[in-house]
Amino acid sequence: MKGNSRAANSAEANENDQTGVKTTSSNATASGQSPVVMDVQLEVHKTFCDMAKRKLNVIVTGLPETNCSDLDEMKAADTLSFMHLCETPFC
């Protein structure tokens, strides 16, 4: 009976290895971490970098809407409006 139990456990372990649910030493990298853990760490790092980058964004309100249909004209009009805003002293 115990022999059958061991075989069942072995088959179960192999099944877990194939599905990637159970991390084994064969899945470990040179750093000792599984690829799943490394992927999660990379995503967390990217998220924190993105949040830090977004903290530097500036939101400008009060600029008039441009009525241009062409994207290049719209960008030029927005740039001109922003430059005019920056050049005008705030009194």
Protein backbone atom coordinates (compact mmCIF):
# COMPACT_ATOMS: atom_id res chain seq x y z
CA MET A 1 0.00 0.00 0.00
CA LYS A 2 2.76 2.43 0.86
CA GLY A 3 4.46 1.76 -2.47
CA ASN A 4 1.32 2.78 -4.35
CA SER A 5 1.04 5.90 -2.23
CA ARG A 6 4.63 6.88 -3.10
CA ALA A 7 3.96 6.33 -6.80
CA ALA A 8 0.85 8.48 -6.60
CA ASN A 9 2.80 11.24 -4.84
CA SER A 10 5.56 11.02 -7.45
CA ALA A 11 3.04 11.23 -10.29
CA GLU A 12 1.38 14.18 -8.57
CA ALA A 13 4.72 15.98 -8.22
CA ASN A 14 5.51 15.42 -11.90
CA GLU A 15 2.08 16.76 -12.82
CA ASN A 16 2.69 19.89 -10.73
CA ASP A 17 6.06 20.39 -12.42
CA GLN A 18 4.48 20.30 -15.87
CA THR A 19 1.78 22.82 -14.99
CA GLY A 20 4.26 25.18 -13.39
CA VAL A 21 2.26 25.31 -10.18
CA LYS A 22 4.96 23.79 -8.04
CA THR A 23 8.45 25.27 -8.24
CA THR A 24 11.24 22.74 -8.09
CA SER A 25 14.99 22.97 -8.21
CA SER A 26 14.83 22.25 -11.96
CA ASN A 27 12.97 25.55 -12.45
CA ALA A 28 15.36 27.57 -10.32
CA THR A 29 17.73 30.04 -11.93
CA ALA A 30 21.33 30.76 -11.08
CA SER A 31 20.14 33.37 -8.56
CA GLY A 32 18.10 30.76 -6.73
CA GLN A 33 14.73 32.27 -7.68
CA SER A 34 12.09 30.77 -9.90
CA PRO A 35 11.26 32.47 -13.22
CA VAL A 36 7.79 33.30 -11.90
CA VAL A 37 9.25 35.17 -8.92
CA MET A 38 11.66 37.03 -11.19
CA ASP A 39 8.79 38.02 -13.53
CA VAL A 40 6.77 39.36 -10.60
CA GLN A 41 9.76 41.29 -9.27
CA LEU A 42 10.34 42.80 -12.72
CA GLU A 43 6.69 43.89 -13.02
CA VAL A 44 6.78 45.45 -9.53
CA HIS A 45 10.00 47.28 -10.42
CA LYS A 46 8.49 48.58 -13.68
CA THR A 47 5.38 49.74 -11.81
CA PHE A 48 7.40 51.67 -9.22
CA CYS A 49 9.53 53.27 -11.96
CA ASP A 50 6.39 54.29 -13.83
CA MET A 51 4.87 55.79 -10.68
CA ALA A 52 8.06 57.77 -9.97
CA LYS A 53 8.10 59.03 -13.55
CA ARG A 54 4.43 60.07 -13.37
CA LYS A 55 5.11 62.09 -10.21
CA LEU A 56 7.19 64.44 -12.39
CA ASN A 57 4.29 65.16 -14.78
CA VAL A 58 2.81 68.65 -14.83
CA ILE A 59 -0.89 69.22 -15.46
CA VAL A 60 -1.72 72.46 -17.24
CA THR A 61 -5.30 73.73 -17.17
CA GLY A 62 -6.90 76.75 -18.76
CA LEU A 63 -5.47 76.45 -22.25
CA PRO A 64 -8.02 77.03 -25.01
CA GLU A 65 -9.13 74.05 -27.09
CA THR A 66 -7.76 73.95 -30.62
CA ASN A 67 -10.16 73.40 -33.49
CA CYS A 68 -7.67 71.77 -35.85
CA SER A 69 -8.39 68.53 -37.66
CA ASP A 70 -4.74 67.77 -38.43
CA LEU A 71 -2.70 66.29 -35.56
CA ASP A 72 0.44 68.26 -36.48
CA GLU A 73 -1.50 71.54 -36.54
CA MET A 74 -3.06 70.68 -33.19
CA LYS A 75 0.36 69.99 -31.63
CA ALA A 76 1.73 73.27 -33.03
CA ALA A 77 -1.26 75.25 -31.71
CA ASP A 78 -0.95 73.60 -28.28
CA THR A 79 2.77 74.33 -28.19
CA LEU A 80 2.17 77.96 -29.11
CA SER A 81 -0.55 78.32 -26.43
CA PHE A 82 1.71 76.78 -23.80
CA MET A 83 4.66 79.01 -24.74
CA HIS A 84 2.39 82.07 -24.55
CA LEU A 85 1.21 80.95 -21.10
CA CYS A 86 4.80 80.54 -19.90
CA GLU A 87 5.88 83.92 -21.26
CA THR A 88 2.95 85.79 -19.71
CA PRO A 89 3.68 87.00 -16.16
CA PHE A 90 1.21 85.87 -13.54
CA CYS A 91 -0.10 88.97 -11.80
